[in-house]
Amino acid sequence: MSKSSAETLPTIFNSPDLWEHKFIEADGYKTSYAEAGDPDAEPLILVHGGACEIGMGFSRWYPNIIPLAEKFHVFAIDELGSGDTDPPRDLPLLGNVHSRGDHVIAFMDALNLGRKWHLVGQSQGGWIVTYIAITRPDLVEKLVLIDSASTSGSAIRHEDKGEEQYIDVNRQKVKVDGSGWLPYFDKVFEPNSKMPKAGLLDTKKSFKEYVSVFHENKDAVTDEWIDHLWSYKEKWMPIYLSHRGKDYWKDKALNGHYAQFEVNGIQIREHVHKITVPTLVLWGRNSVKGMDPGFEVYKNLPNAEMYVFNNANHFLWTDKPEKFNSLVTWFLERDM
C-alpha cells in the first residue's frame, strides 16, 4: 500500500468508528472478531492464515475490513491462538489447521445468521475455507482463496510426477524435494523448523523485517500496525515457543508438519474438485510461497476464476488493498 493509500484508505486504525471489536463463545472458546457493515447485507467472513508464532490475527486485514463493509456484512475472526481469542484447550494443537477450521465453523454456527456466507481465506486460512466448503457446503455461497500454499501444497512433491519437480518462486525456478522447504525459510526460520530465528523478534526493527518478508510493498507494514502486533507478540510468542519450540520440531520433520494439511490422509489439493461453488483464486506474482501451485489449485476447481497480482507478495491484500477490495467486491456481487 502506497503512503498516499495509507493516508486515505479507511482502516481499522484510522476509522475506529466504522467497525466494532466483539466477542462470542464458540465451542466453549472466548472468540474475538471484528464486525462492520450493514447487518442486512450478505455476510462475508475473512479467515486469516497462520499466527506466525506472534498471535497475528484479524488485524492483518486492517485495510480491507471497512472498504469491504461498504457492500457486505463483514466478520474478521481471531482464530484459536491468535489475537484476543483463547488458545486451544489441548495446547499441542496450537496452530493446527483442523482445530482452527472446526473453530471457525463453530463461530459461524454460533452467530446463526440463517444464510450462506462468502468465505475469504488467505494462506492457511485458504485451507480452512476450502475445508469448510468441502465439509459444510451448506454454509458457503462463494469462495475466495488467497495465495494459499497450504491448499496448493506449495513445494510438496506430487508423487505421480517424478523426482525432478520445480516451482516458480519470485521468478526463480526452485527444485521441490517434497519436504515443503521454500527459499525464504532460510531468512526467517531456524533450520528444519518454522521457529523464528533467534533474536529476529527482539526489536521492533527486526520484528518489522520479519513481517515485511511477506510484502512487496514495505510501506504496507506501517508503524501503527507493528505497534499493534508487538503487543500480541508479547502475549503469544512465549506460548508458541513453549509448545512449538525446539522440542516440537525435534520430533516433526517438515513432512510431518505438513501432514496436518491433509483431509482423510490426502493433501487437500486432491479434494478441491468436489467444490462447485463459484471460487476466485488470487495469487501474488512475487509470492515467497511460489506461484505455480496456485495454477494447479485453480485448474482442479470446477467453477473457478484466477487473478494474479503483479508486484505483490504473499500478503497481496495489503500490498494492493484498493485492487484487492475492488476485485473481491466485484466477484462476490456478480451474478454467476
C-alpha atoms as a PDB file:
ATOM      1  CA  MET A   1       0.000   0.000   0.000  1.00  0.00           C
ATOM      2  CA  SER A   2       1.474   3.359  -1.023  1.00  0.00           C
ATOM      3  CA  LYS A   3       1.877   6.095   1.557  1.00  0.00           C
ATOM      4  CA  SER A   4      -0.917   8.056  -0.098  1.00  0.00           C
ATOM      5  CA  SER A   5      -3.170   4.993   0.210  1.00  0.00           C
ATOM      6  CA  ALA A   6      -2.223   4.560   3.839  1.00  0.00           C
ATOM      7  CA  GLU A   7      -3.322   8.122   4.459  1.00  0.00           C
ATOM      8  CA  THR A   8      -6.638   7.978   2.559  1.00  0.00           C
ATOM      9  CA  LEU A   9      -7.928   4.402   2.773  1.00  0.00           C
ATOM     10  CA  PRO A  10     -10.233   3.798   5.753  1.00  0.00           C
ATOM     11  CA  THR A  11      -8.595   1.242   8.040  1.00  0.00           C
ATOM     12  CA  ILE A  12      -9.362  -0.242  11.430  1.00  0.00           C
ATOM     13  CA  PHE A  13      -6.691   2.084  12.816  1.00  0.00           C
ATOM     14  CA  ASN A  14      -7.754   5.431  11.346  1.00  0.00           C
ATOM     15  CA  SER A  15     -11.528   4.834  11.337  1.00  0.00           C
ATOM     16  CA  PRO A  16     -12.392   3.191  14.680  1.00  0.00           C
ATOM     17  CA  ASP A  17     -15.996   4.403  14.470  1.00  0.00           C
ATOM     18  CA  LEU A  18     -16.659   2.288  11.341  1.00  0.00           C
ATOM     19  CA  TRP A  19     -16.155  -1.133  12.928  1.00  0.00           C
ATOM     20  CA  GLU A  20     -16.644  -2.947  16.240  1.00  0.00           C
ATOM     21  CA  HIS A  21     -14.462  -5.343  18.201  1.00  0.00           C
ATOM     22  CA  LYS A  22     -16.733  -8.028  19.645  1.00  0.00           C
ATOM     23  CA  PHE A  23     -16.622 -11.371  21.445  1.00  0.00           C
ATOM     24  CA  ILE A  24     -18.760 -14.512  21.276  1.00  0.00           C
ATOM     25  CA  GLU A  25     -18.450 -18.005  22.716  1.00  0.00           C
ATOM     26  CA  ALA A  26     -17.837 -20.639  20.039  1.00  0.00           C
ATOM     27  CA  ASP A  27     -17.294 -24.275  21.061  1.00  0.00           C
ATOM     28  CA  GLY A  28     -16.563 -23.061  24.580  1.00  0.00           C
ATOM     29  CA  TYR A  29     -13.872 -20.624  23.440  1.00  0.00           C
ATOM     30  CA  LYS A  30     -13.956 -16.886  24.009  1.00  0.00           C
ATOM     31  CA  THR A  31     -13.703 -15.737  20.415  1.00  0.00           C
ATOM     32  CA  SER A  32     -12.658 -12.278  19.288  1.00  0.00           C
ATOM     33  CA  TYR A  33     -13.758 -10.772  15.990  1.00  0.00           C
ATOM     34  CA  ALA A  34     -14.179  -7.552  14.059  1.00  0.00           C
ATOM     35  CA  GLU A  35     -17.571  -6.676  12.615  1.00  0.00           C
ATOM     36  CA  ALA A  36     -18.513  -3.954  10.146  1.00  0.00           C
ATOM     37  CA  GLY A  37     -21.235  -3.201   7.631  1.00  0.00           C
ATOM     38  CA  ASP A  38     -24.993  -3.441   7.291  1.00  0.00           C
ATOM     39  CA  PRO A  39     -26.439  -6.486   9.128  1.00  0.00           C
ATOM     40  CA  ASP A  40     -28.906  -6.903   6.251  1.00  0.00           C
ATOM     41  CA  ALA A  41     -26.092  -7.213   3.695  1.00  0.00           C
ATOM     42  CA  GLU A  42     -24.666 -10.559   2.589  1.00  0.00           C
ATOM     43  CA  PRO A  43     -22.293 -11.966   5.243  1.00  0.00           C
ATOM     44  CA  LEU A  44     -18.601 -12.215   4.444  1.00  0.00           C
ATOM     45  CA  ILE A  45     -16.001 -13.780   6.727  1.00  0.00           C
ATOM     46  CA  LEU A  46     -12.277 -13.041   6.483  1.00  0.00           C
ATOM     47  CA  VAL A  47     -10.267 -16.054   7.651  1.00  0.00           C
ATOM     48  CA  HIS A  48      -6.612 -15.348   8.319  1.00  0.00           C
ATOM     49  CA  GLY A  49      -3.583 -17.563   7.931  1.00  0.00           C
ATOM     50  CA  GLY A  50      -1.006 -18.698  10.470  1.00  0.00           C
ATOM     51  CA  ALA A  51      -0.267 -16.668  13.579  1.00  0.00           C
ATOM     52  CA  CYS A  52       3.456 -16.543  12.650  1.00  0.00           C
ATOM     53  CA  GLU A  53       4.180 -17.513  16.287  1.00  0.00           C
ATOM     54  CA  ILE A  54       3.228 -13.919  17.277  1.00  0.00           C
ATOM     55  CA  GLY A  55      -0.544 -14.258  17.529  1.00  0.00           C
ATOM     56  CA  MET A  56      -1.181 -12.249  14.346  1.00  0.00           C
ATOM     57  CA  GLY A  57      -4.956 -12.303  13.969  1.00  0.00           C
ATOM     58  CA  PHE A  58      -7.590 -10.269  12.167  1.00  0.00           C
ATOM     59  CA  SER A  59      -5.597  -7.030  12.247  1.00  0.00           C
ATOM     60  CA  ARG A  60      -3.761  -8.203   9.114  1.00  0.00           C
ATOM     61  CA  TRP A  61      -6.980  -7.247   7.280  1.00  0.00           C
ATOM     62  CA  TYR A  62      -6.612  -3.671   8.514  1.00  0.00           C
ATOM     63  CA  PRO A  63      -7.057  -2.012   5.059  1.00  0.00           C
ATOM     64  CA  ASN A  64      -9.823  -4.375   3.898  1.00  0.00           C
ATOM     65  CA  ILE A  65     -12.456  -4.730   6.620  1.00  0.00           C
ATOM     66  CA  ILE A  66     -14.044  -1.291   6.270  1.00  0.00           C
ATOM     67  CA  PRO A  67     -13.908  -0.966   2.445  1.00  0.00           C
ATOM     68  CA  LEU A  68     -15.474  -4.440   2.047  1.00  0.00           C
ATOM     69  CA  ALA A  69     -18.131  -3.449   4.575  1.00  0.00           C
ATOM     70  CA  GLU A  70     -19.463  -0.866   2.130  1.00  0.00           C
ATOM     71  CA  LYS A  71     -21.192  -3.770   0.368  1.00  0.00           C
ATOM     72  CA  PHE A  72     -21.115  -6.685   2.819  1.00  0.00           C
ATOM     73  CA  HIS A  73     -21.689  -7.559   6.459  1.00  0.00           C
ATOM     74  CA  VAL A  74     -18.061  -8.275   7.296  1.00  0.00           C
ATOM     75  CA  PHE A  75     -16.722 -10.507  10.044  1.00  0.00           C
ATOM     76  CA  ALA A  76     -12.987 -10.992  10.601  1.00  0.00           C
ATOM     77  CA  ILE A  77     -12.207 -13.666  13.174  1.00  0.00           C
ATOM     78  CA  ASP A  78      -9.274 -14.099  15.513  1.00  0.00           C
ATOM     79  CA  GLU A  79      -8.713 -17.836  15.240  1.00  0.00           C
ATOM     80  CA  LEU A  80      -7.652 -20.104  18.096  1.00  0.00           C
ATOM     81  CA  GLY A  81      -4.253 -18.960  19.345  1.00  0.00           C
ATOM     82  CA  SER A  82      -4.478 -15.547  17.687  1.00  0.00           C
ATOM     83  CA  GLY A  83      -5.323 -12.005  18.759  1.00  0.00           C
ATOM     84  CA  ASP A  84      -7.772 -11.964  21.667  1.00  0.00           C
ATOM     85  CA  THR A  85      -9.212 -15.453  21.138  1.00  0.00           C
ATOM     86  CA  ASP A  86      -8.398 -18.305  23.503  1.00  0.00           C
ATOM     87  CA  PRO A  87      -5.720 -20.891  22.687  1.00  0.00           C
ATOM     88  CA  PRO A  88      -6.884 -24.461  22.029  1.00  0.00           C
ATOM     89  CA  ARG A  89      -7.673 -26.423  25.185  1.00  0.00           C
ATOM     90  CA  ASP A  90      -5.225 -29.082  24.000  1.00  0.00           C
ATOM     91  CA  LEU A  91      -2.134 -26.883  23.654  1.00  0.00           C
ATOM     92  CA  PRO A  92      -0.195 -29.356  21.475  1.00  0.00           C
ATOM     93  CA  LEU A  93      -2.814 -28.483  18.836  1.00  0.00           C
ATOM     94  CA  LEU A  94      -1.753 -24.823  18.872  1.00  0.00           C
ATOM     95  CA  GLY A  95      -1.717 -23.695  15.242  1.00  0.00           C
ATOM     96  CA  ASN A  96      -3.315 -26.922  13.946  1.00  0.00           C
ATOM     97  CA  VAL A  97      -5.446 -26.081  10.908  1.00  0.00           C
ATOM     98  CA  HIS A  98      -8.095 -28.753  11.568  1.00  0.00           C
ATOM     99  CA  SER A  99      -8.726 -27.385  15.080  1.00  0.00           C
ATOM    100  CA  ARG A 100      -8.796 -23.829  13.774  1.00  0.00           C
ATOM    101  CA  GLY A 101     -11.111 -24.818  10.927  1.00  0.00           C
ATOM    102  CA  ASP A 102     -13.568 -26.529  13.267  1.00  0.00           C
ATOM    103  CA  HIS A 103     -13.489 -23.443  15.482  1.00  0.00           C
ATOM    104  CA  VAL A 104     -14.310 -21.159  12.535  1.00  0.00           C
ATOM    105  CA  ILE A 105     -17.289 -23.398  11.751  1.00  0.00           C
ATOM    106  CA  ALA A 106     -18.365 -23.202  15.412  1.00  0.00           C
ATOM    107  CA  PHE A 107     -18.064 -19.410  15.236  1.00  0.00           C
ATOM    108  CA  MET A 108     -20.275 -19.220  12.144  1.00  0.00           C
ATOM    109  CA  ASP A 109     -22.811 -21.557  13.733  1.00  0.00           C
ATOM    110  CA  ALA A 110     -22.789 -19.508  16.960  1.00  0.00           C
ATOM    111  CA  LEU A 111     -23.646 -16.338  15.032  1.00  0.00           C
ATOM    112  CA  ASN A 112     -26.538 -18.293  13.488  1.00  0.00           C
ATOM    113  CA  LEU A 113     -27.229 -15.817  10.682  1.00  0.00           C
ATOM    114  CA  GLY A 114     -29.531 -18.223   8.898  1.00  0.00           C
ATOM    115  CA  ARG A 115     -27.982 -17.710   5.475  1.00  0.00           C
ATOM    116  CA  LYS A 116     -24.968 -18.730   3.419  1.00  0.00           C
ATOM    117  CA  TRP A 117     -21.667 -16.868   3.695  1.00  0.00           C
ATOM    118  CA  HIS A 118     -18.971 -15.587   1.379  1.00  0.00           C
ATOM    119  CA  LEU A 119     -15.731 -17.148   2.645  1.00  0.00           C
ATOM    120  CA  VAL A 120     -12.422 -15.339   2.071  1.00  0.00           C
ATOM    121  CA  GLY A 121      -9.301 -17.136   3.302  1.00  0.00           C
ATOM    122  CA  GLN A 122      -5.605 -16.406   2.959  1.00  0.00           C
ATOM    123  CA  SER A 123      -2.711 -18.868   3.234  1.00  0.00           C
ATOM    124  CA  GLN A 124      -3.646 -21.362   5.976  1.00  0.00           C
ATOM    125  CA  GLY A 125      -6.989 -19.553   6.116  1.00  0.00           C
ATOM    126  CA  GLY A 126      -7.406 -20.592   2.487  1.00  0.00           C
ATOM    127  CA  TRP A 127      -7.001 -24.193   3.633  1.00  0.00           C
ATOM    128  CA  ILE A 128      -9.637 -23.566   6.309  1.00  0.00           C
ATOM    129  CA  VAL A 129     -12.256 -22.102   3.965  1.00  0.00           C
ATOM    130  CA  THR A 130     -11.566 -24.927   1.492  1.00  0.00           C
ATOM    131  CA  TYR A 131     -12.074 -27.410   4.334  1.00  0.00           C
ATOM    132  CA  ILE A 132     -15.377 -25.685   5.215  1.00  0.00           C
ATOM    133  CA  ALA A 133     -16.511 -25.746   1.587  1.00  0.00           C
ATOM    134  CA  ILE A 134     -15.830 -29.496   1.472  1.00  0.00           C
ATOM    135  CA  THR A 135     -17.285 -30.463   4.869  1.00  0.00           C
ATOM    136  CA  ARG A 136     -20.013 -27.833   5.333  1.00  0.00           C
ATOM    137  CA  PRO A 137     -21.174 -26.725   1.877  1.00  0.00           C
ATOM    138  CA  ASP A 138     -24.435 -25.566   3.482  1.00  0.00           C
ATOM    139  CA  LEU A 139     -22.520 -22.562   4.847  1.00  0.00           C
ATOM    140  CA  VAL A 140     -20.901 -21.392   1.607  1.00  0.00           C
ATOM    141  CA  GLU A 141     -22.193 -19.032  -1.092  1.00  0.00           C
ATOM    142  CA  LYS A 142     -18.886 -18.113  -2.771  1.00  0.00           C
ATOM    143  CA  LEU A 143     -15.241 -18.758  -2.029  1.00  0.00           C
ATOM    144  CA  VAL A 144     -12.092 -16.641  -2.347  1.00  0.00           C
ATOM    145  CA  LEU A 145      -8.678 -18.332  -1.914  1.00  0.00           C
ATOM    146  CA  ILE A 146      -5.705 -16.002  -1.427  1.00  0.00           C
ATOM    147  CA  ASP A 147      -2.131 -17.195  -2.005  1.00  0.00           C
ATOM    148  CA  SER A 148      -2.902 -20.387  -0.146  1.00  0.00           C
ATOM    149  CA  ALA A 149       0.220 -22.540  -0.244  1.00  0.00           C
ATOM    150  CA  SER A 150      -1.474 -24.720   2.363  1.00  0.00           C
ATOM    151  CA  THR A 151      -4.259 -25.578  -0.080  1.00  0.00           C
ATOM    152  CA  SER A 152      -1.965 -25.929  -3.076  1.00  0.00           C
ATOM    153  CA  GLY A 153       0.679 -27.997  -1.309  1.00  0.00           C
ATOM    154  CA  SER A 154       3.314 -25.481  -2.368  1.00  0.00           C
ATOM    155  CA  ALA A 155       6.689 -27.259  -2.535  1.00  0.00           C
ATOM    156  CA  ILE A 156       5.090 -30.563  -1.536  1.00  0.00           C
ATOM    157  CA  ARG A 157       6.052 -33.049  -4.234  1.00  0.00           C
ATOM    158  CA  HIS A 158       3.378 -34.705  -6.362  1.00  0.00           C
ATOM    159  CA  GLU A 159       4.054 -38.416  -6.039  1.00  0.00           C
ATOM    160  CA  ASP A 160       2.920 -39.127  -9.595  1.00  0.00           C
ATOM    161  CA  LYS A 161       5.127 -36.543 -11.318  1.00  0.00           C
ATOM    162  CA  GLY A 162       8.601 -37.940 -10.787  1.00  0.00           C
ATOM    163  CA  GLU A 163      11.554 -36.739  -8.754  1.00  0.00           C
ATOM    164  CA  GLU A 164      12.536 -33.663 -10.762  1.00  0.00           C
ATOM    165  CA  GLN A 165       9.896 -31.070  -9.903  1.00  0.00           C
ATOM    166  CA  TYR A 166      10.254 -27.296  -9.826  1.00  0.00           C
ATOM    167  CA  ILE A 167       8.057 -24.340  -8.930  1.00  0.00           C
ATOM    168  CA  ASP A 168       8.346 -20.645  -9.726  1.00  0.00           C
ATOM    169  CA  VAL A 169       9.234 -18.662  -6.591  1.00  0.00           C
ATOM    170  CA  ASN A 170       9.556 -14.957  -7.287  1.00  0.00           C
ATOM    171  CA  ARG A 171      10.664 -15.567 -10.883  1.00  0.00           C
ATOM    172  CA  GLN A 172      13.184 -18.232  -9.980  1.00  0.00           C
ATOM    173  CA  LYS A 173      12.818 -21.966 -10.513  1.00  0.00           C
ATOM    174  CA  VAL A 174      13.172 -23.845  -7.238  1.00  0.00           C
ATOM    175  CA  LYS A 175      13.544 -27.602  -7.034  1.00  0.00           C
ATOM    176  CA  VAL A 176      10.893 -29.270  -4.891  1.00  0.00           C
ATOM    177  CA  ASP A 177      12.313 -32.006  -2.683  1.00  0.00           C
ATOM    178  CA  GLY A 178       8.991 -32.988  -1.144  1.00  0.00           C
ATOM    179  CA  SER A 179       9.692 -31.528   2.304  1.00  0.00           C
ATOM    180  CA  GLY A 180       7.822 -28.259   1.847  1.00  0.00           C
ATOM    181  CA  TRP A 181      11.034 -26.210   2.119  1.00  0.00           C
ATOM    182  CA  LEU A 182      10.972 -22.799   0.414  1.00  0.00           C
ATOM    183  CA  PRO A 183      13.865 -20.326  -0.029  1.00  0.00           C
ATOM    184  CA  TYR A 184      12.511 -17.673   2.364  1.00  0.00           C
ATOM    185  CA  PHE A 185      12.648 -20.182   5.241  1.00  0.00           C
ATOM    186  CA  ASP A 186      16.408 -19.641   5.463  1.00  0.00           C
ATOM    187  CA  LYS A 187      15.871 -15.923   6.115  1.00  0.00           C
ATOM    188  CA  VAL A 188      13.401 -16.171   8.972  1.00  0.00           C
ATOM    189  CA  PHE A 189      13.307 -19.681  10.469  1.00  0.00           C
ATOM    190  CA  GLU A 190      15.629 -21.891  12.453  1.00  0.00           C
ATOM    191  CA  PRO A 191      16.837 -24.885  10.390  1.00  0.00           C
ATOM    192  CA  ASN A 192      14.258 -27.622   9.733  1.00  0.00           C
ATOM    193  CA  SER A 193      11.545 -25.730  11.588  1.00  0.00           C
ATOM    194  CA  LYS A 194       9.188 -22.793  11.415  1.00  0.00           C
ATOM    195  CA  MET A 195      10.553 -21.199  14.565  1.00  0.00           C
ATOM    196  CA  PRO A 196      11.589 -17.559  14.071  1.00  0.00           C
ATOM    197  CA  LYS A 197      15.365 -17.216  14.091  1.00  0.00           C
ATOM    198  CA  ALA A 198      16.856 -16.366  17.463  1.00  0.00           C
ATOM    199  CA  GLY A 199      16.837 -12.618  18.027  1.00  0.00           C
ATOM    200  CA  LEU A 200      14.709 -11.873  14.986  1.00  0.00           C
ATOM    201  CA  LEU A 201      11.758 -10.677  17.060  1.00  0.00           C
ATOM    202  CA  ASP A 202      13.726  -8.946  19.812  1.00  0.00           C
ATOM    203  CA  THR A 203      13.407  -5.389  18.491  1.00  0.00           C
ATOM    204  CA  LYS A 204      10.670  -3.569  16.612  1.00  0.00           C
ATOM    205  CA  LYS A 205      13.080  -3.017  13.726  1.00  0.00           C
ATOM    206  CA  SER A 206      13.812  -6.720  13.282  1.00  0.00           C
ATOM    207  CA  PHE A 207      10.164  -7.542  14.016  1.00  0.00           C
ATOM    208  CA  LYS A 208       9.145  -5.261  11.149  1.00  0.00           C
ATOM    209  CA  GLU A 209      11.652  -7.013   8.874  1.00  0.00           C
ATOM    210  CA  TYR A 210      10.059 -10.357   9.809  1.00  0.00           C
ATOM    211  CA  VAL A 211       6.563  -9.174   8.844  1.00  0.00           C
ATOM    212  CA  SER A 212       7.938  -7.445   5.724  1.00  0.00           C
ATOM    213  CA  VAL A 213       9.194 -10.755   4.291  1.00  0.00           C
ATOM    214  CA  PHE A 214       5.614 -11.383   3.130  1.00  0.00           C
ATOM    215  CA  HIS A 215       5.227  -7.969   1.465  1.00  0.00           C
ATOM    216  CA  GLU A 216       6.393  -6.487  -1.806  1.00  0.00           C
ATOM    217  CA  ASN A 217       5.270  -3.006  -0.740  1.00  0.00           C
ATOM    218  CA  LYS A 218       7.161  -2.413   2.506  1.00  0.00           C
ATOM    219  CA  ASP A 219       5.110   0.728   3.206  1.00  0.00           C
ATOM    220  CA  ALA A 220       2.164  -1.586   3.890  1.00  0.00           C
ATOM    221  CA  VAL A 221       3.926  -2.660   7.096  1.00  0.00           C
ATOM    222  CA  THR A 222       3.073   0.542   8.934  1.00  0.00           C
ATOM    223  CA  ASP A 223       4.492   1.508  12.309  1.00  0.00           C
ATOM    224  CA  GLU A 224       0.925   1.627  13.642  1.00  0.00           C
ATOM    225  CA  TRP A 225       0.343  -1.978  12.640  1.00  0.00           C
ATOM    226  CA  ILE A 226       3.720  -3.056  14.032  1.00  0.00           C
ATOM    227  CA  ASP A 227       2.919  -1.394  17.379  1.00  0.00           C
ATOM    228  CA  HIS A 228      -0.375  -3.279  17.427  1.00  0.00           C
ATOM    229  CA  LEU A 229       1.260  -6.616  16.534  1.00  0.00           C
ATOM    230  CA  TRP A 230       4.026  -6.078  19.076  1.00  0.00           C
ATOM    231  CA  SER A 231       1.531  -6.173  21.957  1.00  0.00           C
ATOM    232  CA  TYR A 232       0.203  -9.522  20.742  1.00  0.00           C
ATOM    233  CA  LYS A 233       3.728 -10.817  20.177  1.00  0.00           C
ATOM    234  CA  GLU A 234       4.440 -10.138  23.848  1.00  0.00           C
ATOM    235  CA  LYS A 235       1.354 -12.180  24.777  1.00  0.00           C
ATOM    236  CA  TRP A 236       1.608 -15.091  22.349  1.00  0.00           C
ATOM    237  CA  MET A 237       5.246 -15.709  21.477  1.00  0.00           C
ATOM    238  CA  PRO A 238       6.155 -17.334  24.841  1.00  0.00           C
ATOM    239  CA  ILE A 239       3.169 -19.684  24.437  1.00  0.00           C
ATOM    240  CA  TYR A 240       4.113 -20.624  20.879  1.00  0.00           C
ATOM    241  CA  LEU A 241       7.759 -21.168  21.705  1.00  0.00           C
ATOM    242  CA  SER A 242       6.786 -23.311  24.707  1.00  0.00           C
ATOM    243  CA  HIS A 243       4.554 -25.571  22.649  1.00  0.00           C
ATOM    244  CA  ARG A 244       6.028 -25.227  19.147  1.00  0.00           C
ATOM    245  CA  GLY A 245       9.646 -24.667  20.064  1.00  0.00           C
ATOM    246  CA  LYS A 246      12.715 -26.866  19.656  1.00  0.00           C
ATOM    247  CA  ASP A 247      11.131 -29.934  21.261  1.00  0.00           C
ATOM    248  CA  TYR A 248       8.141 -29.692  18.895  1.00  0.00           C
ATOM    249  CA  TRP A 249      10.312 -29.507  15.784  1.00  0.00           C
ATOM    250  CA  LYS A 250      12.783 -32.117  17.039  1.00  0.00           C
ATOM    251  CA  ASP A 251      10.067 -34.743  16.579  1.00  0.00           C
ATOM    252  CA  LYS A 252       8.494 -33.245  13.462  1.00  0.00           C
ATOM    253  CA  ALA A 253      10.285 -33.066  10.144  1.00  0.00           C
ATOM    254  CA  LEU A 254       8.594 -30.624   7.801  1.00  0.00           C
ATOM    255  CA  ASN A 255       6.870 -33.551   6.102  1.00  0.00           C
ATOM    256  CA  GLY A 256       5.231 -34.433   9.418  1.00  0.00           C
ATOM    257  CA  HIS A 257       4.209 -30.829   9.938  1.00  0.00           C
ATOM    258  CA  TYR A 258       2.564 -30.684   6.532  1.00  0.00           C
ATOM    259  CA  ALA A 259       0.510 -33.815   7.241  1.00  0.00           C
ATOM    260  CA  GLN A 260      -1.933 -31.566   9.117  1.00  0.00           C
ATOM    261  CA  PHE A 261      -2.999 -30.114   5.767  1.00  0.00           C
ATOM    262  CA  GLU A 262      -4.415 -33.442   4.695  1.00  0.00           C
ATOM    263  CA  VAL A 263      -8.068 -34.471   4.770  1.00  0.00           C
ATOM    264  CA  ASN A 264      -8.629 -38.197   5.345  1.00  0.00           C
ATOM    265  CA  GLY A 265      -4.912 -38.764   4.804  1.00  0.00           C
ATOM    266  CA  ILE A 266      -4.771 -36.976   1.439  1.00  0.00           C
ATOM    267  CA  GLN A 267      -3.462 -33.454   0.805  1.00  0.00           C
ATOM    268  CA  ILE A 268      -6.434 -31.138   0.481  1.00  0.00           C
ATOM    269  CA  ARG A 269      -5.455 -30.168  -3.070  1.00  0.00           C
ATOM    270  CA  GLU A 270      -6.716 -33.619  -4.099  1.00  0.00           C
ATOM    271  CA  HIS A 271     -10.183 -32.791  -2.722  1.00  0.00           C
ATOM    272  CA  VAL A 272     -10.814 -29.388  -4.302  1.00  0.00           C
ATOM    273  CA  HIS A 273     -12.517 -30.907  -7.338  1.00  0.00           C
ATOM    274  CA  LYS A 274     -15.508 -31.508  -5.045  1.00  0.00           C
ATOM    275  CA  ILE A 275     -16.096 -27.766  -4.617  1.00  0.00           C
ATOM    276  CA  THR A 276     -18.740 -26.495  -7.013  1.00  0.00           C
ATOM    277  CA  VAL A 277     -19.461 -23.016  -5.617  1.00  0.00           C
ATOM    278  CA  PRO A 278     -18.040 -20.046  -7.580  1.00  0.00           C
ATOM    279  CA  THR A 279     -14.428 -19.597  -6.488  1.00  0.00           C
ATOM    280  CA  LEU A 280     -11.907 -16.828  -7.051  1.00  0.00           C
ATOM    281  CA  VAL A 281      -8.228 -17.768  -6.726  1.00  0.00           C
ATOM    282  CA  LEU A 282      -5.912 -14.815  -6.022  1.00  0.00           C
ATOM    283  CA  TRP A 283      -2.115 -15.100  -6.084  1.00  0.00           C
ATOM    284  CA  GLY A 284       0.904 -12.822  -5.788  1.00  0.00           C
ATOM    285  CA  ARG A 285       3.346 -12.896  -8.727  1.00  0.00           C
ATOM    286  CA  ASN A 286       6.191 -12.335  -6.272  1.00  0.00           C
ATOM    287  CA  SER A 287       4.879 -14.642  -3.557  1.00  0.00           C
ATOM    288  CA  VAL A 288       7.539 -16.222  -1.354  1.00  0.00           C
ATOM    289  CA  LYS A 289       5.285 -19.276  -1.360  1.00  0.00           C
ATOM    290  CA  GLY A 290       5.672 -19.859  -5.082  1.00  0.00           C
ATOM    291  CA  MET A 291       3.200 -19.132  -7.867  1.00  0.00           C
ATOM    292  CA  ASP A 292       2.882 -22.326  -9.901  1.00  0.00           C
ATOM    293  CA  PRO A 293       0.948 -24.303  -7.242  1.00  0.00           C
ATOM    294  CA  GLY A 294      -1.764 -21.649  -7.400  1.00  0.00           C
ATOM    295  CA  PHE A 295      -2.413 -22.576 -11.022  1.00  0.00           C
ATOM    296  CA  GLU A 296      -2.643 -26.243 -10.015  1.00  0.00           C
ATOM    297  CA  VAL A 297      -5.378 -25.466  -7.471  1.00  0.00           C
ATOM    298  CA  TYR A 298      -7.199 -23.255  -9.957  1.00  0.00           C
ATOM    299  CA  LYS A 299      -7.156 -25.944 -12.642  1.00  0.00           C
ATOM    300  CA  ASN A 300      -8.653 -28.524 -10.259  1.00  0.00           C
ATOM    301  CA  LEU A 301     -11.525 -26.296  -9.116  1.00  0.00           C
ATOM    302  CA  PRO A 302     -14.502 -26.900 -11.423  1.00  0.00           C
ATOM    303  CA  ASN A 303     -16.048 -23.427 -11.078  1.00  0.00           C
ATOM    304  CA  ALA A 304     -13.096 -21.083 -10.592  1.00  0.00           C
ATOM    305  CA  GLU A 305     -11.523 -17.922 -11.927  1.00  0.00           C
ATOM    306  CA  MET A 306      -7.999 -16.716 -11.183  1.00  0.00           C
ATOM    307  CA  TYR A 307      -6.249 -13.381 -10.957  1.00  0.00           C
ATOM    308  CA  VAL A 308      -2.516 -12.882 -10.397  1.00  0.00           C
ATOM    309  CA  PHE A 309      -1.448  -9.644  -8.708  1.00  0.00           C
ATOM    310  CA  ASN A 310       1.747  -8.308 -10.261  1.00  0.00           C
ATOM    311  CA  ASN A 311       4.301  -6.755  -7.892  1.00  0.00           C
ATOM    312  CA  ALA A 312       2.576  -8.412  -4.937  1.00  0.00           C
ATOM    313  CA  ASN A 313       3.853 -10.908  -2.390  1.00  0.00           C
ATOM    314  CA  HIS A 314       2.128 -13.385  -0.070  1.00  0.00           C
ATOM    315  CA  PHE A 315       0.205 -10.600   1.722  1.00  0.00           C
ATOM    316  CA  LEU A 316      -1.241  -9.287  -1.542  1.00  0.00           C
ATOM    317  CA  TRP A 317      -4.328  -7.810   0.185  1.00  0.00           C
ATOM    318  CA  THR A 318      -2.093  -5.310   1.992  1.00  0.00           C
ATOM    319  CA  ASP A 319       0.325  -4.901  -0.926  1.00  0.00           C
ATOM    320  CA  LYS A 320      -2.562  -3.910  -3.234  1.00  0.00           C
ATOM    321  CA  PRO A 321      -5.552  -3.143  -0.969  1.00  0.00           C
ATOM    322  CA  GLU A 322      -7.596  -0.999  -3.355  1.00  0.00           C
ATOM    323  CA  LYS A 323      -7.289  -3.539  -6.169  1.00  0.00           C
ATOM    324  CA  PHE A 324      -7.981  -6.409  -3.764  1.00  0.00           C
ATOM    325  CA  ASN A 325     -11.063  -4.764  -2.248  1.00  0.00           C
ATOM    326  CA  SER A 326     -12.435  -3.834  -5.662  1.00  0.00           C
ATOM    327  CA  LEU A 327     -11.842  -7.252  -7.208  1.00  0.00           C
ATOM    328  CA  VAL A 328     -13.313  -9.205  -4.304  1.00  0.00           C
ATOM    329  CA  THR A 329     -16.360  -6.915  -4.194  1.00  0.00           C
ATOM    330  CA  TRP A 330     -16.896  -7.314  -7.948  1.00  0.00           C
ATOM    331  CA  PHE A 331     -16.639 -11.100  -7.801  1.00  0.00           C
ATOM    332  CA  LEU A 332     -18.935 -11.548  -4.800  1.00  0.00           C
ATOM    333  CA  GLU A 333     -21.599  -9.117  -6.049  1.00  0.00           C
ATOM    334  CA  ARG A 334     -21.662 -10.507  -9.571  1.00  0.00           C
ATOM    335  CA  ASP A 335     -24.450 -12.828 -10.704  1.00  0.00           C
ATOM    336  CA  MET A 336     -22.894 -16.123 -11.732  1.00  0.00           C
END
